[in-house]
Amino acid sequence: MIKAIAFAIFIGVSMHSNANKIFIHSLNPVSNRLAILEDNESIAFLYLTEAGTQRPIKDAVAYSRKPPALKKVDWEKIEQTGDTPLL
């Protein structure tokens, strides 16, 4: 995550690519927040920064290049507990 922020110095939209790895960020001029997408060849994370800074305040998995490790999802248990199913 710190590596992602270190590259987020540029203003506007830019892309850094190293083989199959992807790093894209964009600054929104209205909210003054950066959105950063980083793909490490296994999984991609999307980060949202605090307004006017490069400090991430939210993150989420955008996608995975590999299938999930779960063999079977217990949907009844998830419904009973209210837990969020794994990606």
N, C-alpha and C. Protein backbone atom coordinates (compact mmCIF):
# COMPACT_ATOMS: atom_id res chain seq x y z
N MET A 1 0.82 -1.17 0.00
CA MET A 1 0.00 0.00 0.00
C MET A 1 0.87 1.25 0.00
N ILE A 2 1.93 1.26 0.77
CA ILE A 2 2.82 2.42 0.81
C ILE A 2 3.47 2.62 -0.56
N LYS A 3 3.81 1.52 -1.23
CA LYS A 3 4.38 1.61 -2.57
C LYS A 3 3.40 2.32 -3.52
N ALA A 4 2.12 1.99 -3.38
CA ALA A 4 1.10 2.61 -4.23
C ALA A 4 1.04 4.10 -4.00
N ILE A 5 1.09 4.52 -2.77
CA ILE A 5 1.00 5.94 -2.44
C ILE A 5 2.26 6.67 -2.89
N ALA A 6 3.40 6.03 -2.81
CA ALA A 6 4.64 6.68 -3.22
C ALA A 6 4.60 7.08 -4.70
N PHE A 7 3.90 6.32 -5.52
CA PHE A 7 3.78 6.63 -6.93
C PHE A 7 2.68 7.65 -7.22
N ALA A 8 1.84 7.92 -6.24
CA ALA A 8 0.67 8.78 -6.47
C ALA A 8 0.98 10.25 -6.34
N ILE A 9 2.14 10.68 -6.77
CA ILE A 9 2.55 12.08 -6.66
C ILE A 9 2.03 12.89 -7.85
N PHE A 10 1.88 12.29 -8.98
CA PHE A 10 1.49 13.01 -10.18
C PHE A 10 0.02 13.40 -10.14
N ILE A 11 -0.30 14.52 -10.78
CA ILE A 11 -1.68 14.99 -10.83
C ILE A 11 -2.28 14.57 -12.17
N GLY A 12 -3.56 14.23 -12.15
CA GLY A 12 -4.24 13.80 -13.36
C GLY A 12 -4.33 12.30 -13.40
N VAL A 13 -4.38 11.76 -14.59
CA VAL A 13 -4.47 10.32 -14.77
C VAL A 13 -3.15 9.84 -15.36
N SER A 14 -2.57 8.84 -14.74
CA SER A 14 -1.35 8.26 -15.30
C SER A 14 -1.36 6.77 -15.08
N MET A 15 -0.49 6.09 -15.77
CA MET A 15 -0.41 4.64 -15.65
C MET A 15 1.05 4.24 -15.62
N HIS A 16 1.36 3.34 -14.70
CA HIS A 16 2.71 2.77 -14.61
C HIS A 16 2.54 1.28 -14.82
N SER A 17 3.25 0.72 -15.77
CA SER A 17 3.12 -0.69 -16.06
C SER A 17 4.49 -1.34 -16.05
N ASN A 18 4.59 -2.47 -15.37
CA ASN A 18 5.81 -3.25 -15.32
C ASN A 18 5.41 -4.69 -15.61
N ALA A 19 5.64 -5.15 -16.82
CA ALA A 19 5.19 -6.47 -17.27
C ALA A 19 3.68 -6.54 -17.11
N ASN A 20 3.18 -7.46 -16.28
CA ASN A 20 1.74 -7.62 -16.10
C ASN A 20 1.19 -6.83 -14.93
N LYS A 21 2.04 -6.19 -14.16
CA LYS A 21 1.56 -5.41 -13.02
C LYS A 21 0.97 -4.10 -13.53
N ILE A 22 -0.08 -3.64 -12.86
CA ILE A 22 -0.76 -2.42 -13.29
C ILE A 22 -0.85 -1.46 -12.11
N PHE A 23 -0.59 -0.19 -12.38
CA PHE A 23 -0.76 0.86 -11.38
C PHE A 23 -1.37 2.07 -12.08
N ILE A 24 -2.58 2.43 -11.70
CA ILE A 24 -3.28 3.56 -12.31
C ILE A 24 -3.81 4.44 -11.18
N HIS A 25 -3.71 5.74 -11.35
CA HIS A 25 -4.33 6.62 -10.35
C HIS A 25 -4.93 7.84 -11.05
N SER A 26 -5.92 8.43 -10.36
CA SER A 26 -6.60 9.58 -10.92
C SER A 26 -6.99 10.52 -9.79
N LEU A 27 -6.78 11.81 -9.99
CA LEU A 27 -7.15 12.83 -9.01
C LEU A 27 -8.46 13.48 -9.45
N ASN A 28 -9.45 13.46 -8.57
CA ASN A 28 -10.71 14.12 -8.87
C ASN A 28 -10.61 15.58 -8.47
N PRO A 29 -10.78 16.53 -9.40
CA PRO A 29 -10.60 17.94 -9.08
C PRO A 29 -11.69 18.50 -8.15
N VAL A 30 -12.85 17.87 -8.09
CA VAL A 30 -13.93 18.35 -7.23
C VAL A 30 -13.71 17.89 -5.79
N SER A 31 -13.48 16.59 -5.59
CA SER A 31 -13.31 16.07 -4.23
C SER A 31 -11.88 16.18 -3.73
N ASN A 32 -10.92 16.40 -4.65
CA ASN A 32 -9.49 16.46 -4.32
C ASN A 32 -9.02 15.16 -3.68
N ARG A 33 -9.56 14.04 -4.16
CA ARG A 33 -9.18 12.71 -3.69
C ARG A 33 -8.54 11.93 -4.83
N LEU A 34 -7.60 11.07 -4.47
CA LEU A 34 -7.00 10.16 -5.44
C LEU A 34 -7.72 8.82 -5.39
N ALA A 35 -7.97 8.23 -6.53
CA ALA A 35 -8.40 6.85 -6.64
C ALA A 35 -7.21 6.11 -7.24
N ILE A 36 -6.81 5.04 -6.60
CA ILE A 36 -5.61 4.30 -7.02
C ILE A 36 -5.99 2.84 -7.24
N LEU A 37 -5.65 2.31 -8.41
CA LEU A 37 -5.86 0.90 -8.71
C LEU A 37 -4.48 0.26 -8.84
N GLU A 38 -4.24 -0.78 -8.05
CA GLU A 38 -2.95 -1.47 -8.10
C GLU A 38 -3.19 -2.97 -8.27
N ASP A 39 -2.61 -3.54 -9.30
CA ASP A 39 -2.73 -4.96 -9.60
C ASP A 39 -1.34 -5.57 -9.46
N ASN A 40 -1.19 -6.54 -8.57
CA ASN A 40 0.11 -7.16 -8.32
C ASN A 40 0.26 -8.52 -9.00
N GLU A 41 -0.54 -8.75 -10.02
CA GLU A 41 -0.57 -9.98 -10.81
C GLU A 41 -1.36 -11.09 -10.15
N SER A 42 -1.82 -10.91 -8.92
CA SER A 42 -2.67 -11.89 -8.26
C SER A 42 -4.04 -11.29 -7.96
N ILE A 43 -4.01 -10.09 -7.43
CA ILE A 43 -5.23 -9.43 -7.00
C ILE A 43 -5.07 -7.93 -7.22
N ALA A 44 -6.18 -7.26 -7.46
CA ALA A 44 -6.14 -5.81 -7.67
C ALA A 44 -6.90 -5.12 -6.53
N PHE A 45 -6.29 -4.08 -6.00
CA PHE A 45 -6.90 -3.29 -4.93
C PHE A 45 -7.22 -1.90 -5.44
N LEU A 46 -8.32 -1.35 -4.97
CA LEU A 46 -8.70 0.02 -5.26
C LEU A 46 -8.64 0.80 -3.96
N TYR A 47 -7.88 1.90 -3.95
CA TYR A 47 -7.72 2.73 -2.77
C TYR A 47 -8.34 4.10 -3.02
N LEU A 48 -8.96 4.68 -1.99
CA LEU A 48 -9.47 6.04 -2.04
C LEU A 48 -8.77 6.81 -0.94
N THR A 49 -8.22 7.97 -1.29
CA THR A 49 -7.45 8.74 -0.30
C THR A 49 -8.33 9.80 0.38
N GLU A 50 -7.83 10.28 1.50
CA GLU A 50 -8.45 11.40 2.19
C GLU A 50 -8.30 12.63 1.31
N ALA A 51 -9.27 13.52 1.35
CA ALA A 51 -9.24 14.72 0.51
C ALA A 51 -7.98 15.53 0.77
N GLY A 52 -7.27 15.89 -0.31
CA GLY A 52 -6.09 16.72 -0.22
C GLY A 52 -4.83 16.02 0.24
N THR A 53 -4.89 14.70 0.44
CA THR A 53 -3.70 13.96 0.87
C THR A 53 -3.51 12.72 -0.01
N GLN A 54 -2.44 12.01 0.26
CA GLN A 54 -2.19 10.74 -0.41
C GLN A 54 -2.41 9.58 0.55
N ARG A 55 -3.02 9.85 1.70
CA ARG A 55 -3.25 8.82 2.72
C ARG A 55 -4.54 8.06 2.43
N PRO A 56 -4.47 6.74 2.19
CA PRO A 56 -5.67 5.96 1.92
C PRO A 56 -6.58 5.92 3.15
N ILE A 57 -7.88 6.08 2.91
CA ILE A 57 -8.84 5.95 4.00
C ILE A 57 -9.79 4.79 3.77
N LYS A 58 -9.90 4.34 2.52
CA LYS A 58 -10.74 3.19 2.18
C LYS A 58 -10.01 2.35 1.15
N ASP A 59 -10.25 1.04 1.19
CA ASP A 59 -9.72 0.16 0.16
C ASP A 59 -10.69 -0.98 -0.08
N ALA A 60 -10.60 -1.57 -1.24
CA ALA A 60 -11.47 -2.69 -1.61
C ALA A 60 -10.77 -3.54 -2.64
N VAL A 61 -11.14 -4.80 -2.69
CA VAL A 61 -10.64 -5.69 -3.73
C VAL A 61 -11.43 -5.37 -4.99
N ALA A 62 -10.74 -5.05 -6.07
CA ALA A 62 -11.40 -4.74 -7.33
C ALA A 62 -11.66 -6.03 -8.13
N TYR A 63 -10.65 -6.90 -8.20
CA TYR A 63 -10.81 -8.18 -8.87
C TYR A 63 -9.64 -9.08 -8.50
N SER A 64 -9.80 -10.36 -8.79
CA SER A 64 -8.75 -11.35 -8.54
C SER A 64 -8.44 -12.06 -9.85
N ARG A 65 -7.16 -12.28 -10.10
CA ARG A 65 -6.76 -13.03 -11.31
C ARG A 65 -6.78 -14.54 -11.07
N LYS A 66 -6.92 -14.93 -9.81
CA LYS A 66 -6.91 -16.35 -9.47
C LYS A 66 -8.28 -16.73 -8.90
N PRO A 67 -8.70 -17.97 -9.10
CA PRO A 67 -9.99 -18.40 -8.55
C PRO A 67 -9.94 -18.42 -7.02
N PRO A 68 -11.08 -18.20 -6.38
CA PRO A 68 -11.10 -18.22 -4.91
C PRO A 68 -10.71 -19.60 -4.38
N ALA A 69 -10.16 -19.61 -3.18
CA ALA A 69 -9.68 -20.85 -2.56
C ALA A 69 -10.83 -21.69 -2.00
N LEU A 70 -12.00 -21.10 -1.84
CA LEU A 70 -13.13 -21.85 -1.29
C LEU A 70 -13.62 -22.91 -2.26
N LYS A 71 -13.92 -24.08 -1.71
CA LYS A 71 -14.46 -25.13 -2.54
C LYS A 71 -15.98 -25.08 -2.55
N LYS A 72 -16.58 -24.71 -1.38
CA LYS A 72 -18.03 -24.65 -1.29
C LYS A 72 -18.41 -23.54 -0.31
N VAL A 73 -19.38 -22.73 -0.69
CA VAL A 73 -19.86 -21.66 0.17
C VAL A 73 -21.09 -22.15 0.91
N ASP A 74 -21.11 -21.97 2.24
CA ASP A 74 -22.27 -22.35 3.05
C ASP A 74 -23.22 -21.15 3.13
N TRP A 75 -24.10 -21.06 2.10
CA TRP A 75 -25.00 -19.91 2.00
C TRP A 75 -25.99 -19.84 3.16
N GLU A 76 -26.42 -20.99 3.68
CA GLU A 76 -27.35 -20.99 4.82
C GLU A 76 -26.70 -20.37 6.05
N LYS A 77 -25.45 -20.71 6.32
CA LYS A 77 -24.73 -20.14 7.46
C LYS A 77 -24.55 -18.63 7.27
N ILE A 78 -24.21 -18.21 6.07
CA ILE A 78 -24.03 -16.78 5.79
C ILE A 78 -25.34 -16.04 6.01
N GLU A 79 -26.45 -16.63 5.58
CA GLU A 79 -27.76 -16.01 5.77
C GLU A 79 -28.11 -15.92 7.26
N GLN A 80 -27.79 -16.95 8.04
CA GLN A 80 -28.09 -16.95 9.48
C GLN A 80 -27.22 -15.95 10.25
N THR A 81 -25.96 -15.89 9.92
CA THR A 81 -25.03 -15.04 10.69
C THR A 81 -24.98 -13.62 10.17
N GLY A 82 -25.39 -13.42 8.90
CA GLY A 82 -25.30 -12.09 8.32
C GLY A 82 -23.89 -11.73 7.86
N ASP A 83 -22.98 -12.72 7.87
CA ASP A 83 -21.60 -12.47 7.43
C ASP A 83 -21.57 -12.18 5.93
N THR A 84 -20.54 -11.47 5.52
CA THR A 84 -20.32 -11.21 4.11
C THR A 84 -19.61 -12.39 3.49
N PRO A 85 -20.09 -12.89 2.35
CA PRO A 85 -19.38 -14.01 1.71
C PRO A 85 -18.00 -13.57 1.23
N LEU A 86 -17.06 -14.50 1.25
CA LEU A 86 -15.71 -14.21 0.78
C LEU A 86 -15.71 -14.04 -0.73
N LEU A 87 -14.72 -13.30 -1.20
CA LEU A 87 -14.58 -13.08 -2.64
C LEU A 87 -14.26 -14.39 -3.31
